[in-house]
Amino acid sequence: MAGITVTPLAFESLGVRSMCTLVRTRDVTILLDAGVALGPRFRLMPHPKEFKARDEARKRINAAAKKAQVVTISHYHNDHHTPNYLDPVWLGSSPELSKQTYRGKIILAKDFRKKINTAQRRRGWMFKQAAEKWAEKFETADGGTFQFGQTTIRFPDPVSHGEDESGL
């Protein structure tokens, strides 16, 4: 695996809901699941330390997005992509942040029409409508293989995100 660098940017252990990761090879820089979210705990609003962790994660994601040529979206939960709507509390998202994250990028994304629940289908459709205006390319990744120089990215067919038939 020489020549591959993997950098975790935003994870539960870093104080936020996310799995955002930057992967660099000799050929391409890939930003995986460029989202971050806070989650309600005991029906309470986030603590100021959680807002700080979210904002710091968002800064790391934004800096990584500037370096990446490819951005992936595994699914349309809000902690796995930066949506193009304003949510100043839980996501720290806005249309401008979404545009900054995906502008000029090759987006390899989950198909929002297949094997997905209604909420994610709606989010995916809304996201694609906006992102296609900014991105270099927007491609469905499900089951696909993509080549960037000597770097191959393979996406599996979609799998259940939760118990079968749960709608997740």
N, C-alpha and C. Protein backbone atom coordinates (compact mmCIF):
# COMPACT_ATOMS: atom_id res chain seq x y z
N MET A 1 0.82 -1.20 0.00
CA MET A 1 0.00 0.00 0.00
C MET A 1 0.86 1.26 0.00
N ALA A 2 2.06 1.16 -0.47
CA ALA A 2 2.92 2.34 -0.52
C ALA A 2 2.28 3.42 -1.37
N GLY A 3 2.44 4.65 -0.92
CA GLY A 3 1.89 5.75 -1.70
C GLY A 3 0.45 6.08 -1.39
N ILE A 4 -0.14 5.46 -0.37
CA ILE A 4 -1.51 5.76 0.03
C ILE A 4 -1.48 6.37 1.43
N THR A 5 -2.15 7.51 1.57
CA THR A 5 -2.28 8.16 2.87
C THR A 5 -3.76 8.26 3.21
N VAL A 6 -4.13 7.82 4.41
CA VAL A 6 -5.52 7.87 4.87
C VAL A 6 -5.56 8.77 6.10
N THR A 7 -6.40 9.82 6.03
CA THR A 7 -6.49 10.78 7.13
C THR A 7 -7.94 10.90 7.61
N PRO A 8 -8.25 10.42 8.82
CA PRO A 8 -9.59 10.63 9.38
C PRO A 8 -9.79 12.12 9.66
N LEU A 9 -10.92 12.67 9.22
CA LEU A 9 -11.20 14.09 9.41
C LEU A 9 -12.29 14.36 10.44
N ALA A 10 -13.31 13.53 10.46
CA ALA A 10 -14.45 13.74 11.36
C ALA A 10 -15.05 12.38 11.69
N PHE A 11 -15.03 12.04 12.97
CA PHE A 11 -15.53 10.74 13.44
C PHE A 11 -16.17 10.92 14.80
N GLU A 12 -16.90 9.91 15.22
CA GLU A 12 -17.52 9.92 16.55
C GLU A 12 -16.47 10.17 17.63
N SER A 13 -15.31 9.56 17.48
CA SER A 13 -14.25 9.74 18.48
C SER A 13 -13.66 11.15 18.47
N LEU A 14 -13.98 11.93 17.44
CA LEU A 14 -13.56 13.33 17.36
C LEU A 14 -14.70 14.27 17.75
N GLY A 15 -15.77 13.71 18.30
CA GLY A 15 -16.85 14.52 18.86
C GLY A 15 -18.04 14.79 17.97
N VAL A 16 -18.09 14.17 16.78
CA VAL A 16 -19.19 14.42 15.85
C VAL A 16 -19.63 13.12 15.20
N ARG A 17 -20.82 13.14 14.62
CA ARG A 17 -21.26 12.01 13.81
C ARG A 17 -20.72 12.23 12.40
N SER A 18 -19.95 11.28 11.93
CA SER A 18 -19.34 11.38 10.62
C SER A 18 -18.41 10.20 10.44
N MET A 19 -17.99 10.00 9.22
CA MET A 19 -16.91 9.07 8.90
C MET A 19 -16.07 9.68 7.79
N CYS A 20 -15.98 10.99 7.77
CA CYS A 20 -15.29 11.69 6.69
C CYS A 20 -13.79 11.40 6.74
N THR A 21 -13.26 10.99 5.60
CA THR A 21 -11.87 10.56 5.50
C THR A 21 -11.27 11.11 4.21
N LEU A 22 -10.03 11.52 4.27
CA LEU A 22 -9.29 11.95 3.09
C LEU A 22 -8.31 10.84 2.71
N VAL A 23 -8.35 10.41 1.46
CA VAL A 23 -7.45 9.38 0.95
C VAL A 23 -6.64 9.98 -0.19
N ARG A 24 -5.32 9.87 -0.07
CA ARG A 24 -4.44 10.38 -1.12
C ARG A 24 -3.63 9.22 -1.70
N THR A 25 -3.61 9.16 -3.01
CA THR A 25 -2.72 8.24 -3.70
C THR A 25 -1.81 9.09 -4.58
N ARG A 26 -0.92 8.44 -5.29
CA ARG A 26 -0.05 9.19 -6.20
C ARG A 26 -0.84 9.85 -7.32
N ASP A 27 -2.03 9.31 -7.61
CA ASP A 27 -2.80 9.75 -8.77
C ASP A 27 -3.96 10.69 -8.46
N VAL A 28 -4.54 10.55 -7.27
CA VAL A 28 -5.79 11.26 -6.99
C VAL A 28 -5.97 11.45 -5.49
N THR A 29 -6.66 12.52 -5.13
CA THR A 29 -7.04 12.75 -3.74
C THR A 29 -8.56 12.64 -3.65
N ILE A 30 -9.03 11.81 -2.72
CA ILE A 30 -10.44 11.46 -2.62
C ILE A 30 -10.95 11.84 -1.23
N LEU A 31 -12.05 12.54 -1.19
CA LEU A 31 -12.71 12.90 0.06
C LEU A 31 -13.94 12.00 0.21
N LEU A 32 -13.93 11.15 1.22
CA LEU A 32 -15.01 10.19 1.44
C LEU A 32 -16.04 10.76 2.41
N ASP A 33 -17.29 10.77 2.00
CA ASP A 33 -18.42 11.15 2.86
C ASP A 33 -18.19 12.47 3.59
N ALA A 34 -18.20 13.55 2.83
CA ALA A 34 -17.85 14.89 3.33
C ALA A 34 -19.00 15.53 4.10
N GLY A 35 -19.39 14.91 5.19
CA GLY A 35 -20.45 15.45 6.02
C GLY A 35 -20.10 15.38 7.49
N VAL A 36 -20.85 16.13 8.28
CA VAL A 36 -20.67 16.14 9.73
C VAL A 36 -22.01 16.51 10.35
N ALA A 37 -22.32 15.91 11.48
CA ALA A 37 -23.59 16.21 12.15
C ALA A 37 -23.42 16.05 13.65
N LEU A 38 -24.30 16.71 14.35
CA LEU A 38 -24.45 16.50 15.79
C LEU A 38 -25.74 15.73 15.98
N GLY A 39 -25.80 14.95 17.03
CA GLY A 39 -27.00 14.18 17.29
C GLY A 39 -27.64 14.58 18.60
N PRO A 40 -28.97 14.57 18.63
CA PRO A 40 -29.64 14.90 19.89
C PRO A 40 -29.34 13.83 20.95
N ARG A 41 -29.06 14.27 22.13
CA ARG A 41 -28.81 13.37 23.25
C ARG A 41 -29.80 13.73 24.36
N PHE A 42 -30.62 12.78 24.71
CA PHE A 42 -31.61 12.98 25.77
C PHE A 42 -32.50 14.20 25.50
N ARG A 43 -32.79 14.44 24.23
CA ARG A 43 -33.64 15.56 23.79
C ARG A 43 -33.08 16.92 24.17
N LEU A 44 -31.78 17.00 24.36
CA LEU A 44 -31.13 18.26 24.69
C LEU A 44 -30.45 18.84 23.45
N MET A 45 -30.32 20.14 23.42
CA MET A 45 -29.55 20.79 22.37
C MET A 45 -28.07 20.44 22.59
N PRO A 46 -27.27 20.52 21.53
CA PRO A 46 -25.85 20.22 21.68
C PRO A 46 -25.17 21.17 22.68
N HIS A 47 -24.18 20.63 23.35
CA HIS A 47 -23.35 21.40 24.28
C HIS A 47 -22.42 22.30 23.47
N PRO A 48 -22.00 23.44 24.01
CA PRO A 48 -21.05 24.30 23.28
C PRO A 48 -19.79 23.57 22.81
N LYS A 49 -19.33 22.56 23.57
CA LYS A 49 -18.17 21.79 23.13
C LYS A 49 -18.48 20.98 21.87
N GLU A 50 -19.74 20.53 21.75
CA GLU A 50 -20.13 19.80 20.55
C GLU A 50 -20.18 20.73 19.34
N PHE A 51 -20.70 21.94 19.53
CA PHE A 51 -20.70 22.91 18.43
C PHE A 51 -19.26 23.20 17.98
N LYS A 52 -18.37 23.33 18.95
CA LYS A 52 -16.96 23.59 18.63
C LYS A 52 -16.37 22.41 17.84
N ALA A 53 -16.66 21.19 18.27
CA ALA A 53 -16.16 20.00 17.56
C ALA A 53 -16.72 19.96 16.14
N ARG A 54 -18.01 20.29 15.98
CA ARG A 54 -18.62 20.32 14.64
C ARG A 54 -17.94 21.35 13.76
N ASP A 55 -17.73 22.55 14.30
CA ASP A 55 -17.11 23.62 13.52
C ASP A 55 -15.67 23.28 13.14
N GLU A 56 -14.93 22.66 14.06
CA GLU A 56 -13.55 22.26 13.75
C GLU A 56 -13.53 21.16 12.69
N ALA A 57 -14.47 20.21 12.79
CA ALA A 57 -14.56 19.16 11.77
C ALA A 57 -14.91 19.76 10.41
N ARG A 58 -15.83 20.69 10.41
CA ARG A 58 -16.23 21.35 9.16
C ARG A 58 -15.03 22.06 8.52
N LYS A 59 -14.19 22.70 9.34
CA LYS A 59 -12.99 23.37 8.80
C LYS A 59 -12.03 22.35 8.18
N ARG A 60 -11.86 21.20 8.85
CA ARG A 60 -10.98 20.16 8.29
C ARG A 60 -11.54 19.63 6.97
N ILE A 61 -12.86 19.44 6.92
CA ILE A 61 -13.50 18.96 5.70
C ILE A 61 -13.33 19.98 4.58
N ASN A 62 -13.55 21.25 4.87
CA ASN A 62 -13.41 22.29 3.85
C ASN A 62 -11.99 22.36 3.32
N ALA A 63 -11.01 22.27 4.21
CA ALA A 63 -9.60 22.30 3.78
C ALA A 63 -9.29 21.09 2.91
N ALA A 64 -9.80 19.92 3.29
CA ALA A 64 -9.57 18.70 2.50
C ALA A 64 -10.26 18.79 1.14
N ALA A 65 -11.44 19.38 1.10
CA ALA A 65 -12.18 19.50 -0.16
C ALA A 65 -11.39 20.31 -1.18
N LYS A 66 -10.65 21.29 -0.72
CA LYS A 66 -9.84 22.11 -1.64
C LYS A 66 -8.76 21.27 -2.32
N LYS A 67 -8.31 20.21 -1.66
CA LYS A 67 -7.24 19.36 -2.19
C LYS A 67 -7.77 18.21 -3.05
N ALA A 68 -9.02 17.82 -2.83
CA ALA A 68 -9.58 16.63 -3.46
C ALA A 68 -10.04 16.89 -4.90
N GLN A 69 -9.86 15.88 -5.73
CA GLN A 69 -10.43 15.91 -7.08
C GLN A 69 -11.76 15.14 -7.11
N VAL A 70 -11.87 14.16 -6.21
CA VAL A 70 -13.04 13.28 -6.16
C VAL A 70 -13.65 13.37 -4.77
N VAL A 71 -14.99 13.44 -4.71
CA VAL A 71 -15.72 13.39 -3.44
C VAL A 71 -16.77 12.29 -3.57
N THR A 72 -16.82 11.39 -2.58
CA THR A 72 -17.79 10.31 -2.62
C THR A 72 -18.92 10.55 -1.62
N ILE A 73 -20.07 9.95 -1.92
CA ILE A 73 -21.23 9.96 -1.02
C ILE A 73 -21.74 8.53 -0.94
N SER A 74 -21.57 7.89 0.21
CA SER A 74 -21.98 6.49 0.36
C SER A 74 -23.49 6.36 0.49
N HIS A 75 -24.12 7.35 1.12
CA HIS A 75 -25.57 7.40 1.24
C HIS A 75 -25.95 8.79 1.72
N TYR A 76 -27.23 9.06 1.83
CA TYR A 76 -27.69 10.43 2.04
C TYR A 76 -28.16 10.71 3.46
N HIS A 77 -27.54 10.06 4.45
CA HIS A 77 -27.70 10.54 5.82
C HIS A 77 -26.88 11.82 5.91
N ASN A 78 -27.33 12.75 6.72
CA ASN A 78 -26.71 14.08 6.74
C ASN A 78 -25.28 14.10 7.26
N ASP A 79 -24.86 13.05 7.95
CA ASP A 79 -23.47 13.00 8.40
C ASP A 79 -22.54 12.41 7.34
N HIS A 80 -23.06 12.12 6.15
CA HIS A 80 -22.26 11.53 5.08
C HIS A 80 -22.16 12.40 3.84
N HIS A 81 -22.79 13.56 3.85
CA HIS A 81 -22.63 14.53 2.77
C HIS A 81 -22.94 15.91 3.33
N THR A 82 -22.54 16.95 2.62
CA THR A 82 -22.85 18.31 3.03
C THR A 82 -24.05 18.77 2.22
N PRO A 83 -25.24 18.80 2.81
CA PRO A 83 -26.43 19.16 2.05
C PRO A 83 -26.43 20.64 1.66
N ASN A 84 -27.20 20.95 0.65
CA ASN A 84 -27.23 22.31 0.11
C ASN A 84 -28.38 23.12 0.70
N TYR A 85 -28.63 22.95 1.99
CA TYR A 85 -29.63 23.78 2.66
C TYR A 85 -29.08 24.24 4.01
N LEU A 86 -29.71 25.25 4.55
CA LEU A 86 -29.25 25.86 5.79
C LEU A 86 -29.72 25.05 7.00
N ASP A 87 -28.76 24.61 7.80
CA ASP A 87 -29.03 23.98 9.09
C ASP A 87 -27.91 24.41 10.02
N PRO A 88 -28.10 25.53 10.73
CA PRO A 88 -27.03 26.06 11.56
C PRO A 88 -26.83 25.32 12.88
N VAL A 89 -27.74 24.44 13.25
CA VAL A 89 -27.63 23.77 14.55
C VAL A 89 -26.99 22.39 14.41
N TRP A 90 -27.67 21.46 13.80
CA TRP A 90 -27.23 20.07 13.80
C TRP A 90 -26.13 19.79 12.79
N LEU A 91 -26.16 20.46 11.63
CA LEU A 91 -25.21 20.15 10.56
C LEU A 91 -24.17 21.24 10.32
N GLY A 92 -24.51 22.45 10.66
CA GLY A 92 -23.62 23.56 10.30
C GLY A 92 -23.50 23.68 8.80
N SER A 93 -24.58 23.35 8.08
CA SER A 93 -24.55 23.35 6.62
C SER A 93 -25.22 24.60 6.05
N SER A 94 -24.89 24.87 4.80
CA SER A 94 -25.52 25.97 4.07
C SER A 94 -25.31 25.72 2.58
N PRO A 95 -26.09 26.37 1.73
CA PRO A 95 -25.85 26.22 0.29
C PRO A 95 -24.41 26.59 -0.09
N GLU A 96 -23.87 27.63 0.52
CA GLU A 96 -22.51 28.06 0.18
C GLU A 96 -21.46 27.01 0.60
N LEU A 97 -21.61 26.43 1.79
CA LEU A 97 -20.67 25.38 2.22
C LEU A 97 -20.74 24.16 1.31
N SER A 98 -21.96 23.79 0.91
CA SER A 98 -22.12 22.67 -0.01
C SER A 98 -21.41 22.96 -1.33
N LYS A 99 -21.63 24.14 -1.83
CA LYS A 99 -20.99 24.55 -3.09
C LYS A 99 -19.47 24.53 -2.96
N GLN A 100 -18.94 25.04 -1.85
CA GLN A 100 -17.48 25.04 -1.63
C GLN A 100 -16.93 23.62 -1.59
N THR A 101 -17.68 22.71 -1.00
CA THR A 101 -17.22 21.33 -0.85
C THR A 101 -17.17 20.60 -2.18
N TYR A 102 -18.16 20.81 -3.04
CA TYR A 102 -18.32 20.00 -4.25
C TYR A 102 -17.99 20.71 -5.56
N ARG A 103 -17.74 21.99 -5.53
CA ARG A 103 -17.48 22.76 -6.76
C ARG A 103 -16.25 22.21 -7.49
N GLY A 104 -16.44 21.92 -8.78
CA GLY A 104 -15.34 21.46 -9.62
C GLY A 104 -14.88 20.04 -9.36
N LYS A 105 -15.61 19.29 -8.55
CA LYS A 105 -15.20 17.93 -8.18
C LYS A 105 -15.91 16.89 -9.04
N ILE A 106 -15.32 15.72 -9.07
CA ILE A 106 -16.01 14.54 -9.59
C ILE A 106 -16.71 13.94 -8.38
N ILE A 107 -18.03 13.89 -8.44
CA ILE A 107 -18.82 13.32 -7.33
C ILE A 107 -19.22 11.91 -7.72
N LEU A 108 -18.85 10.95 -6.90
CA LEU A 108 -19.23 9.56 -7.07
C LEU A 108 -20.19 9.24 -5.93
N ALA A 109 -21.47 9.08 -6.27
CA ALA A 109 -22.51 9.07 -5.24
C ALA A 109 -23.43 7.86 -5.34
N LYS A 110 -23.98 7.52 -4.20
CA LYS A 110 -25.04 6.52 -4.10
C LYS A 110 -26.19 6.92 -5.00
N ASP A 111 -26.77 5.95 -5.69
CA ASP A 111 -27.95 6.20 -6.51
C ASP A 111 -29.12 6.48 -5.58
N PHE A 112 -29.70 7.66 -5.68
CA PHE A 112 -30.79 8.03 -4.78
C PHE A 112 -32.12 7.42 -5.21
N ARG A 113 -32.15 6.67 -6.30
CA ARG A 113 -33.41 6.08 -6.78
C ARG A 113 -33.56 4.61 -6.42
N LYS A 114 -32.49 3.95 -6.01
CA LYS A 114 -32.54 2.50 -5.80
C LYS A 114 -32.06 2.12 -4.40
N LYS A 115 -32.76 1.15 -3.81
CA LYS A 115 -32.37 0.59 -2.51
C LYS A 115 -32.07 1.69 -1.50
N ILE A 116 -33.07 2.53 -1.28
CA ILE A 116 -32.89 3.68 -0.40
C ILE A 116 -34.24 4.08 0.17
N ASN A 117 -34.27 4.62 1.37
CA ASN A 117 -35.55 5.00 1.96
C ASN A 117 -36.02 6.35 1.42
N THR A 118 -37.23 6.70 1.75
CA THR A 118 -37.85 7.91 1.20
C THR A 118 -37.11 9.18 1.59
N ALA A 119 -36.71 9.30 2.85
CA ALA A 119 -36.01 10.52 3.29
C ALA A 119 -34.68 10.69 2.54
N GLN A 120 -33.92 9.60 2.39
CA GLN A 120 -32.66 9.69 1.67
C GLN A 120 -32.89 9.93 0.18
N ARG A 121 -33.94 9.35 -0.37
CA ARG A 121 -34.27 9.58 -1.79
C ARG A 121 -34.51 11.06 -2.02
N ARG A 122 -35.25 11.68 -1.14
CA ARG A 122 -35.55 13.11 -1.26
C ARG A 122 -34.26 13.94 -1.12
N ARG A 123 -33.46 13.63 -0.09
CA ARG A 123 -32.20 14.36 0.10
C ARG A 123 -31.27 14.20 -1.10
N GLY A 124 -31.18 12.98 -1.59
CA GLY A 124 -30.31 12.71 -2.75
C GLY A 124 -30.76 13.46 -3.98
N TRP A 125 -32.06 13.48 -4.23
CA TRP A 125 -32.59 14.20 -5.39
C TRP A 125 -32.30 15.69 -5.26
N MET A 126 -32.58 16.26 -4.09
CA MET A 126 -32.33 17.69 -3.87
C MET A 126 -30.84 18.02 -4.03
N PHE A 127 -30.01 17.17 -3.47
CA PHE A 127 -28.57 17.41 -3.56
C PHE A 127 -28.10 17.36 -5.00
N LYS A 128 -28.53 16.35 -5.74
CA LYS A 128 -28.07 16.22 -7.13
C LYS A 128 -28.49 17.41 -7.97
N GLN A 129 -29.71 17.91 -7.76
CA GLN A 129 -30.18 19.07 -8.54
C GLN A 129 -29.22 20.24 -8.40
N ALA A 130 -28.73 20.48 -7.20
CA ALA A 130 -27.81 21.60 -6.97
C ALA A 130 -26.38 21.24 -7.39
N ALA A 131 -25.92 20.08 -6.98
CA ALA A 131 -24.51 19.72 -7.18
C ALA A 131 -24.14 19.59 -8.65
N GLU A 132 -25.07 19.17 -9.48
CA GLU A 132 -24.77 19.05 -10.91
C GLU A 132 -24.39 20.40 -11.51
N LYS A 133 -24.86 21.48 -10.92
CA LYS A 133 -24.52 22.82 -11.41
C LYS A 133 -23.08 23.19 -11.06
N TRP A 134 -22.54 22.62 -9.98
CA TRP A 134 -21.22 23.01 -9.49
C TRP A 134 -20.14 22.00 -9.84
N ALA A 135 -20.50 20.74 -9.86
CA ALA A 135 -19.51 19.68 -9.98
C ALA A 135 -18.97 19.58 -11.40
N GLU A 136 -17.76 19.06 -11.50
CA GLU A 136 -17.22 18.73 -12.82
C GLU A 136 -18.05 17.60 -13.42
N LYS A 137 -18.39 16.62 -12.56
CA LYS A 137 -19.16 15.46 -13.01
C LYS A 137 -19.88 14.87 -11.80
N PHE A 138 -21.09 14.36 -12.02
CA PHE A 138 -21.86 13.69 -10.97
C PHE A 138 -22.21 12.31 -11.50
N GLU A 139 -21.65 11.28 -10.88
CA GLU A 139 -21.88 9.92 -11.36
C GLU A 139 -22.42 9.04 -10.26
N THR A 140 -23.32 8.13 -10.64
CA THR A 140 -23.80 7.11 -9.72
C THR A 140 -22.68 6.08 -9.56
N ALA A 141 -22.36 5.78 -8.32
CA ALA A 141 -21.22 4.91 -8.03
C ALA A 141 -21.60 3.45 -7.79
N ASP A 142 -22.85 3.18 -7.44
CA ASP A 142 -23.28 1.84 -7.04
C ASP A 142 -22.77 0.76 -7.99
N GLY A 143 -21.96 -0.16 -7.47
CA GLY A 143 -21.46 -1.27 -8.26
C GLY A 143 -20.43 -0.87 -9.31
N GLY A 144 -19.99 0.37 -9.30
CA GLY A 144 -19.10 0.87 -10.35
C GLY A 144 -17.63 0.78 -10.00
N THR A 145 -16.81 0.86 -11.03
CA THR A 145 -15.36 0.91 -10.90
C THR A 145 -14.88 2.15 -11.63
N PHE A 146 -14.01 2.91 -10.99
CA PHE A 146 -13.53 4.18 -11.54
C PHE A 146 -12.01 4.18 -11.49
N GLN A 147 -11.39 4.60 -12.56
CA GLN A 147 -9.94 4.58 -12.69
C GLN A 147 -9.40 6.01 -12.75
N PHE A 148 -8.39 6.28 -11.92
CA PHE A 148 -7.69 7.56 -11.91
C PHE A 148 -6.20 7.23 -11.94
N GLY A 149 -5.60 7.27 -13.12
CA GLY A 149 -4.22 6.83 -13.25
C GLY A 149 -4.13 5.37 -12.87
N GLN A 150 -3.25 5.06 -11.92
CA GLN A 150 -3.10 3.68 -11.44
C GLN A 150 -4.01 3.37 -10.26
N THR A 151 -4.82 4.33 -9.86
CA THR A 151 -5.71 4.15 -8.71
C THR A 151 -7.08 3.70 -9.18
N THR A 152 -7.55 2.58 -8.65
CA THR A 152 -8.87 2.05 -8.96
C THR A 152 -9.75 2.20 -7.73
N ILE A 153 -10.94 2.77 -7.93
CA ILE A 153 -11.93 2.86 -6.86
C ILE A 153 -13.09 1.96 -7.24
N ARG A 154 -13.40 0.99 -6.38
CA ARG A 154 -14.52 0.07 -6.63
C ARG A 154 -15.59 0.28 -5.56
N PHE A 155 -16.81 0.42 -6.02
CA PHE A 155 -17.95 0.57 -5.12
C PHE A 155 -18.78 -0.70 -5.17
N PRO A 156 -19.17 -1.23 -4.02
CA PRO A 156 -20.03 -2.41 -4.02
C PRO A 156 -21.45 -2.03 -4.42
N ASP A 157 -22.24 -3.03 -4.72
CA ASP A 157 -23.67 -2.79 -4.87
C ASP A 157 -24.20 -2.35 -3.51
N PRO A 158 -25.29 -1.60 -3.48
CA PRO A 158 -25.83 -1.12 -2.20
C PRO A 158 -26.20 -2.27 -1.28
N VAL A 159 -25.98 -2.05 0.00
CA VAL A 159 -26.37 -3.01 1.03
C VAL A 159 -27.31 -2.32 2.01
N SER A 160 -28.00 -3.11 2.77
CA SER A 160 -28.92 -2.59 3.76
C SER A 160 -28.18 -1.75 4.79
N HIS A 161 -28.80 -0.67 5.23
CA HIS A 161 -28.23 0.19 6.27
C HIS A 161 -29.15 0.06 7.48
N GLY A 162 -29.04 -1.06 8.16
CA GLY A 162 -29.95 -1.38 9.25
C GLY A 162 -30.56 -2.74 8.99
N GLU A 163 -31.57 -3.07 9.75
CA GLU A 163 -32.23 -4.36 9.58
C GLU A 163 -32.95 -4.39 8.24
N ASP A 164 -32.98 -5.58 7.62
CA ASP A 164 -33.70 -5.72 6.36
C ASP A 164 -35.13 -5.24 6.52
N GLU A 165 -35.62 -4.59 5.48
CA GLU A 165 -36.99 -4.06 5.43
C GLU A 165 -37.24 -2.94 6.43
N SER A 166 -36.18 -2.39 7.04
CA SER A 166 -36.39 -1.32 8.02
C SER A 166 -36.56 0.04 7.36
N GLY A 167 -36.20 0.13 6.08
CA GLY A 167 -36.29 1.41 5.40
C GLY A 167 -35.07 2.28 5.59
N LEU A 168 -34.07 1.79 6.31
CA LEU A 168 -32.84 2.59 6.50
C LEU A 168 -31.92 2.44 5.32
